[in-house]
Amino acid sequence: MIDFTPVRGGNWAALQGIADGKGAAELSAATAELYEHIGGLLVECDDVDVTFQPADPSANDAAAASQDDVSIAWTLGHVIVHLTASCEESAALGAEQARGVAFHGRSRAEVPWETVTTIAQVRERLAESRRMALGALQMWPDAPDLTTTVETWPGGPLVNAAGRHLLGLMHADSHLAQIVDCIGQSHAARE
């Protein structure tokens, strides 16, 4: 898997450095590897793990839908729908950027986490998201625009199309420890 350690802590210039030289084939391989890794983390999971409410004293979701949700710990289902939405958004925007389409705003849709209550739904969500993220890379032209960079958000990193796609993978990667923690807490609670 891609090592995003150089970017952690806000060294956003390193993200474009990781992206440099990567085309659709390399991004496809990295995308598939990440989704396979996440699937592997879920091998021992069942429905109880999906909705188990873990303890997370540092929970702080500034983008929560309601003030009541700002400090709740995320369930495994919540983490999965969030990271898959981020991967899909970055893949879609990266495909547009690779085709020379000017940035026109976010392209995000997130499944309501409260509706994901079974491990089958989690696996289906991952499979669907993987298909969409890989499908977005199939939209890249043979000669993608990798010279144009855009600011990902006000004050955010400047990235080309490959960097945009990697931003989603990096975001998902940042939630891997959270997935392991959710599962670990759920399993420990049942012992």
C-alpha atoms as a PDB file:
ATOM      1  CA  MET A   1       0.000   0.000   0.000  1.00  0.00           C
ATOM      2  CA  ILE A   2       1.066   3.573  -0.527  1.00  0.00           C
ATOM      3  CA  ASP A   3       2.838   5.062   2.474  1.00  0.00           C
ATOM      4  CA  PHE A   4       1.189   8.405   3.210  1.00  0.00           C
ATOM      5  CA  THR A   5       3.376   9.060   6.273  1.00  0.00           C
ATOM      6  CA  PRO A   6       5.226  11.959   4.553  1.00  0.00           C
ATOM      7  CA  VAL A   7       1.905  13.818   4.188  1.00  0.00           C
ATOM      8  CA  ARG A   8       0.717  13.309   7.764  1.00  0.00           C
ATOM      9  CA  GLY A   9       0.951  16.421   9.866  1.00  0.00           C
ATOM     10  CA  GLY A  10       0.068  18.743   6.998  1.00  0.00           C
ATOM     11  CA  ASN A  11       3.028  18.332   4.624  1.00  0.00           C
ATOM     12  CA  TRP A  12       0.674  18.618   1.659  1.00  0.00           C
ATOM     13  CA  ALA A  13       3.472  19.132  -0.867  1.00  0.00           C
ATOM     14  CA  ALA A  14       4.464  15.522  -0.233  1.00  0.00           C
ATOM     15  CA  LEU A  15       1.085  14.355  -1.568  1.00  0.00           C
ATOM     16  CA  GLN A  16       1.838  15.663  -5.037  1.00  0.00           C
ATOM     17  CA  GLY A  17       5.295  14.111  -4.756  1.00  0.00           C
ATOM     18  CA  ILE A  18       3.673  10.718  -4.150  1.00  0.00           C
ATOM     19  CA  ALA A  19       1.333  11.327  -7.100  1.00  0.00           C
ATOM     20  CA  ASP A  20       4.052  12.344  -9.557  1.00  0.00           C
ATOM     21  CA  GLY A  21       4.552   9.710 -12.228  1.00  0.00           C
ATOM     22  CA  LYS A  22       1.417   7.774 -11.360  1.00  0.00           C
ATOM     23  CA  GLY A  23      -1.122   7.113 -14.057  1.00  0.00           C
ATOM     24  CA  ALA A  24      -4.423   5.286 -14.106  1.00  0.00           C
ATOM     25  CA  ALA A  25      -2.803   1.826 -13.960  1.00  0.00           C
ATOM     26  CA  GLU A  26      -0.776   2.600 -10.830  1.00  0.00           C
ATOM     27  CA  LEU A  27      -3.750   4.292  -9.190  1.00  0.00           C
ATOM     28  CA  SER A  28      -5.963   1.307 -10.025  1.00  0.00           C
ATOM     29  CA  ALA A  29      -3.511  -1.052  -8.349  1.00  0.00           C
ATOM     30  CA  ALA A  30      -3.264   1.180  -5.265  1.00  0.00           C
ATOM     31  CA  THR A  31      -7.051   1.521  -5.090  1.00  0.00           C
ATOM     32  CA  ALA A  32      -7.626  -2.239  -5.351  1.00  0.00           C
ATOM     33  CA  GLU A  33      -4.947  -2.895  -2.727  1.00  0.00           C
ATOM     34  CA  LEU A  34      -6.527  -0.486  -0.243  1.00  0.00           C
ATOM     35  CA  TYR A  35     -10.017  -1.948  -0.658  1.00  0.00           C
ATOM     36  CA  GLU A  36      -8.623  -5.484  -0.300  1.00  0.00           C
ATOM     37  CA  HIS A  37      -6.848  -4.438   2.880  1.00  0.00           C
ATOM     38  CA  ILE A  38     -10.040  -2.994   4.352  1.00  0.00           C
ATOM     39  CA  GLY A  39     -11.925  -6.152   3.386  1.00  0.00           C
ATOM     40  CA  GLY A  40      -9.267  -8.185   5.153  1.00  0.00           C
ATOM     41  CA  LEU A  41      -9.784  -6.204   8.344  1.00  0.00           C
ATOM     42  CA  LEU A  42     -13.444  -7.249   8.303  1.00  0.00           C
ATOM     43  CA  VAL A  43     -12.942 -11.012   7.936  1.00  0.00           C
ATOM     44  CA  GLU A  44     -13.801 -11.800  11.567  1.00  0.00           C
ATOM     45  CA  CYS A  45     -16.694  -9.312  11.771  1.00  0.00           C
ATOM     46  CA  ASP A  46     -20.391  -9.936  12.080  1.00  0.00           C
ATOM     47  CA  ASP A  47     -23.482  -7.734  12.373  1.00  0.00           C
ATOM     48  CA  VAL A  48     -22.830  -6.818  16.009  1.00  0.00           C
ATOM     49  CA  ASP A  49     -19.497  -5.229  15.062  1.00  0.00           C
ATOM     50  CA  VAL A  50     -21.131  -2.915  12.521  1.00  0.00           C
ATOM     51  CA  THR A  51     -23.331  -1.079  15.019  1.00  0.00           C
ATOM     52  CA  PHE A  52     -21.224  -1.438  18.163  1.00  0.00           C
ATOM     53  CA  GLN A  53     -20.739   2.001  19.739  1.00  0.00           C
ATOM     54  CA  PRO A  54     -17.028   2.251  20.576  1.00  0.00           C
ATOM     55  CA  ALA A  55     -15.507   4.597  23.132  1.00  0.00           C
ATOM     56  CA  ASP A  56     -13.671   7.524  21.549  1.00  0.00           C
ATOM     57  CA  PRO A  57     -13.006  10.376  23.983  1.00  0.00           C
ATOM     58  CA  SER A  58     -11.414  12.451  21.210  1.00  0.00           C
ATOM     59  CA  ALA A  59     -14.427  12.200  18.861  1.00  0.00           C
ATOM     60  CA  ASN A  60     -15.039  15.588  17.256  1.00  0.00           C
ATOM     61  CA  ASP A  61     -16.886  15.648  13.928  1.00  0.00           C
ATOM     62  CA  ALA A  62     -17.097  19.323  12.988  1.00  0.00           C
ATOM     63  CA  ALA A  63     -19.056  18.354   9.850  1.00  0.00           C
ATOM     64  CA  ALA A  64     -21.684  16.348  11.752  1.00  0.00           C
ATOM     65  CA  ALA A  65     -25.266  16.681  10.531  1.00  0.00           C
ATOM     66  CA  SER A  66     -26.445  17.812  13.962  1.00  0.00           C
ATOM     67  CA  GLN A  67     -24.847  19.279  17.070  1.00  0.00           C
ATOM     68  CA  ASP A  68     -25.827  16.117  18.953  1.00  0.00           C
ATOM     69  CA  ASP A  69     -23.570  14.042  16.667  1.00  0.00           C
ATOM     70  CA  VAL A  70     -20.400  16.163  16.972  1.00  0.00           C
ATOM     71  CA  SER A  71     -18.880  14.174  19.818  1.00  0.00           C
ATOM     72  CA  ILE A  72     -20.252  10.682  19.206  1.00  0.00           C
ATOM     73  CA  ALA A  73     -17.801   7.901  18.467  1.00  0.00           C
ATOM     74  CA  TRP A  74     -18.252   6.451  15.005  1.00  0.00           C
ATOM     75  CA  THR A  75     -19.481   2.908  14.568  1.00  0.00           C
ATOM     76  CA  LEU A  76     -17.746   0.634  12.071  1.00  0.00           C
ATOM     77  CA  GLY A  77     -20.626   1.204   9.652  1.00  0.00           C
ATOM     78  CA  HIS A  78     -20.192   4.971   9.997  1.00  0.00           C
ATOM     79  CA  VAL A  79     -16.457   4.789   9.313  1.00  0.00           C
ATOM     80  CA  ILE A  80     -16.984   2.645   6.211  1.00  0.00           C
ATOM     81  CA  VAL A  81     -19.674   4.845   4.611  1.00  0.00           C
ATOM     82  CA  HIS A  82     -17.551   7.921   5.320  1.00  0.00           C
ATOM     83  CA  LEU A  83     -14.293   6.632   3.872  1.00  0.00           C
ATOM     84  CA  THR A  84     -15.995   5.129   0.827  1.00  0.00           C
ATOM     85  CA  ALA A  85     -17.718   8.448   0.075  1.00  0.00           C
ATOM     86  CA  SER A  86     -14.345  10.202   0.275  1.00  0.00           C
ATOM     87  CA  CYS A  87     -12.698   7.701  -2.075  1.00  0.00           C
ATOM     88  CA  GLU A  88     -15.530   7.991  -4.578  1.00  0.00           C
ATOM     89  CA  GLU A  89     -15.502  11.788  -4.472  1.00  0.00           C
ATOM     90  CA  SER A  90     -11.766  12.025  -5.054  1.00  0.00           C
ATOM     91  CA  ALA A  91     -11.905   9.417  -7.820  1.00  0.00           C
ATOM     92  CA  ALA A  92     -14.728  11.272  -9.609  1.00  0.00           C
ATOM     93  CA  LEU A  93     -13.015  14.649  -9.320  1.00  0.00           C
ATOM     94  CA  GLY A  94      -9.688  13.143 -10.379  1.00  0.00           C
ATOM     95  CA  ALA A  95     -11.312  11.667 -13.504  1.00  0.00           C
ATOM     96  CA  GLU A  96     -12.782  15.047 -14.412  1.00  0.00           C
ATOM     97  CA  GLN A  97      -9.458  16.763 -13.830  1.00  0.00           C
ATOM     98  CA  ALA A  98      -7.635  14.148 -15.944  1.00  0.00           C
ATOM     99  CA  ARG A  99     -10.057  14.961 -18.776  1.00  0.00           C
ATOM    100  CA  GLY A 100      -9.430  18.692 -18.482  1.00  0.00           C
ATOM    101  CA  VAL A 101     -12.757  19.545 -16.848  1.00  0.00           C
ATOM    102  CA  ALA A 102     -12.482  22.648 -14.674  1.00  0.00           C
ATOM    103  CA  PHE A 103     -13.217  22.150 -10.982  1.00  0.00           C
ATOM    104  CA  HIS A 104     -16.873  23.027 -10.337  1.00  0.00           C
ATOM    105  CA  GLY A 105     -17.365  21.956  -6.744  1.00  0.00           C
ATOM    106  CA  ARG A 106     -17.609  18.849  -4.662  1.00  0.00           C
ATOM    107  CA  SER A 107     -18.962  15.555  -5.944  1.00  0.00           C
ATOM    108  CA  ARG A 108     -19.926  13.794  -2.740  1.00  0.00           C
ATOM    109  CA  ALA A 109     -22.719  11.453  -1.744  1.00  0.00           C
ATOM    110  CA  GLU A 110     -22.535   9.572   1.550  1.00  0.00           C
ATOM    111  CA  VAL A 111     -24.854   6.721   2.449  1.00  0.00           C
ATOM    112  CA  PRO A 112     -26.599   7.551   5.748  1.00  0.00           C
ATOM    113  CA  TRP A 113     -24.540   5.625   8.287  1.00  0.00           C
ATOM    114  CA  GLU A 114     -27.593   4.799  10.378  1.00  0.00           C
ATOM    115  CA  THR A 115     -28.904   2.616   7.538  1.00  0.00           C
ATOM    116  CA  VAL A 116     -25.825   0.364   7.505  1.00  0.00           C
ATOM    117  CA  THR A 117     -26.474  -2.216  10.213  1.00  0.00           C
ATOM    118  CA  THR A 118     -25.144  -5.541   8.882  1.00  0.00           C
ATOM    119  CA  ILE A 119     -21.747  -6.822   7.824  1.00  0.00           C
ATOM    120  CA  ALA A 120     -23.314  -7.791   4.488  1.00  0.00           C
ATOM    121  CA  GLN A 121     -24.209  -4.119   3.918  1.00  0.00           C
ATOM    122  CA  VAL A 122     -20.675  -3.057   4.840  1.00  0.00           C
ATOM    123  CA  ARG A 123     -19.171  -5.543   2.376  1.00  0.00           C
ATOM    124  CA  GLU A 124     -21.659  -4.500  -0.321  1.00  0.00           C
ATOM    125  CA  ARG A 125     -20.800  -0.825   0.299  1.00  0.00           C
ATOM    126  CA  LEU A 126     -17.082  -1.586  -0.031  1.00  0.00           C
ATOM    127  CA  ALA A 127     -17.604  -3.604  -3.225  1.00  0.00           C
ATOM    128  CA  GLU A 128     -19.773  -0.888  -4.756  1.00  0.00           C
ATOM    129  CA  SER A 129     -17.322   1.843  -3.795  1.00  0.00           C
ATOM    130  CA  ARG A 130     -14.366  -0.119  -5.157  1.00  0.00           C
ATOM    131  CA  ARG A 131     -16.216  -0.599  -8.453  1.00  0.00           C
ATOM    132  CA  MET A 132     -16.980   3.120  -8.679  1.00  0.00           C
ATOM    133  CA  ALA A 133     -13.454   4.252  -7.754  1.00  0.00           C
ATOM    134  CA  LEU A 134     -11.891   1.876 -10.278  1.00  0.00           C
ATOM    135  CA  GLY A 135     -14.541   2.843 -12.846  1.00  0.00           C
ATOM    136  CA  ALA A 136     -13.611   6.506 -12.461  1.00  0.00           C
ATOM    137  CA  LEU A 137     -10.043   5.610 -13.433  1.00  0.00           C
ATOM    138  CA  GLN A 138     -11.406   3.941 -16.579  1.00  0.00           C
ATOM    139  CA  MET A 139     -12.695   7.407 -17.550  1.00  0.00           C
ATOM    140  CA  TRP A 140      -9.166   8.764 -17.770  1.00  0.00           C
ATOM    141  CA  PRO A 141      -8.090   9.498 -21.355  1.00  0.00           C
ATOM    142  CA  ASP A 142      -5.033   7.794 -22.819  1.00  0.00           C
ATOM    143  CA  ALA A 143      -3.164  11.078 -22.419  1.00  0.00           C
ATOM    144  CA  PRO A 144      -4.569  12.515 -19.168  1.00  0.00           C
ATOM    145  CA  ASP A 145      -4.017  16.113 -18.120  1.00  0.00           C
ATOM    146  CA  LEU A 146      -1.505  15.718 -15.319  1.00  0.00           C
ATOM    147  CA  THR A 147      -0.110  19.241 -15.546  1.00  0.00           C
ATOM    148  CA  THR A 148      -3.107  21.191 -14.277  1.00  0.00           C
ATOM    149  CA  THR A 149      -3.233  21.513 -10.513  1.00  0.00           C
ATOM    150  CA  VAL A 150      -6.132  22.713  -8.419  1.00  0.00           C
ATOM    151  CA  GLU A 151      -6.490  23.725  -4.799  1.00  0.00           C
ATOM    152  CA  THR A 152      -8.461  20.938  -3.152  1.00  0.00           C
ATOM    153  CA  TRP A 153     -10.104  23.263  -0.616  1.00  0.00           C
ATOM    154  CA  PRO A 154      -9.307  26.797   0.525  1.00  0.00           C
ATOM    155  CA  GLY A 155      -5.785  26.567   1.885  1.00  0.00           C
ATOM    156  CA  GLY A 156      -5.553  22.893   0.890  1.00  0.00           C
ATOM    157  CA  PRO A 157      -2.950  21.233  -1.269  1.00  0.00           C
ATOM    158  CA  LEU A 158      -2.483  21.879  -4.968  1.00  0.00           C
ATOM    159  CA  VAL A 159      -2.795  18.562  -6.763  1.00  0.00           C
ATOM    160  CA  ASN A 160      -3.020  17.192 -10.251  1.00  0.00           C
ATOM    161  CA  ALA A 161      -5.546  14.499 -11.234  1.00  0.00           C
ATOM    162  CA  ALA A 162      -3.442  11.706  -9.725  1.00  0.00           C
ATOM    163  CA  GLY A 163      -3.031  13.677  -6.506  1.00  0.00           C
ATOM    164  CA  ARG A 164      -6.782  14.234  -6.358  1.00  0.00           C
ATOM    165  CA  HIS A 165      -7.423  10.501  -6.636  1.00  0.00           C
ATOM    166  CA  LEU A 166      -4.763   9.770  -4.019  1.00  0.00           C
ATOM    167  CA  LEU A 167      -6.354  12.250  -1.631  1.00  0.00           C
ATOM    168  CA  GLY A 168      -9.305   9.858  -1.287  1.00  0.00           C
ATOM    169  CA  LEU A 169      -7.037   6.878  -0.711  1.00  0.00           C
ATOM    170  CA  MET A 170      -5.044   8.836   1.850  1.00  0.00           C
ATOM    171  CA  HIS A 171      -8.234   9.783   3.659  1.00  0.00           C
ATOM    172  CA  ALA A 172      -9.342   6.144   3.765  1.00  0.00           C
ATOM    173  CA  ASP A 173      -5.868   5.135   4.939  1.00  0.00           C
ATOM    174  CA  SER A 174      -6.203   7.615   7.818  1.00  0.00           C
ATOM    175  CA  HIS A 175      -9.236   5.647   9.063  1.00  0.00           C
ATOM    176  CA  LEU A 176      -7.583   2.197   9.071  1.00  0.00           C
ATOM    177  CA  ALA A 177      -6.527   2.389  12.727  1.00  0.00           C
ATOM    178  CA  GLN A 178     -10.045   3.533  13.604  1.00  0.00           C
ATOM    179  CA  ILE A 179     -11.484   0.449  11.875  1.00  0.00           C
ATOM    180  CA  VAL A 180      -9.123  -1.809  13.820  1.00  0.00           C
ATOM    181  CA  ASP A 181     -10.036  -0.028  17.055  1.00  0.00           C
ATOM    182  CA  CYS A 182     -13.805  -0.310  16.439  1.00  0.00           C
ATOM    183  CA  ILE A 183     -13.486  -4.037  15.744  1.00  0.00           C
ATOM    184  CA  GLY A 184     -11.167  -4.590  18.704  1.00  0.00           C
ATOM    185  CA  GLN A 185     -13.492  -2.832  21.118  1.00  0.00           C
ATOM    186  CA  SER A 186     -16.498  -4.707  19.786  1.00  0.00           C
ATOM    187  CA  HIS A 187     -14.800  -8.092  20.100  1.00  0.00           C
ATOM    188  CA  ALA A 188     -13.485  -7.268  23.594  1.00  0.00           C
ATOM    189  CA  ALA A 189     -16.972  -6.279  24.745  1.00  0.00           C
ATOM    190  CA  ARG A 190     -18.258  -9.731  23.810  1.00  0.00           C
ATOM    191  CA  GLU A 191     -15.574 -11.677  25.682  1.00  0.00           C
END
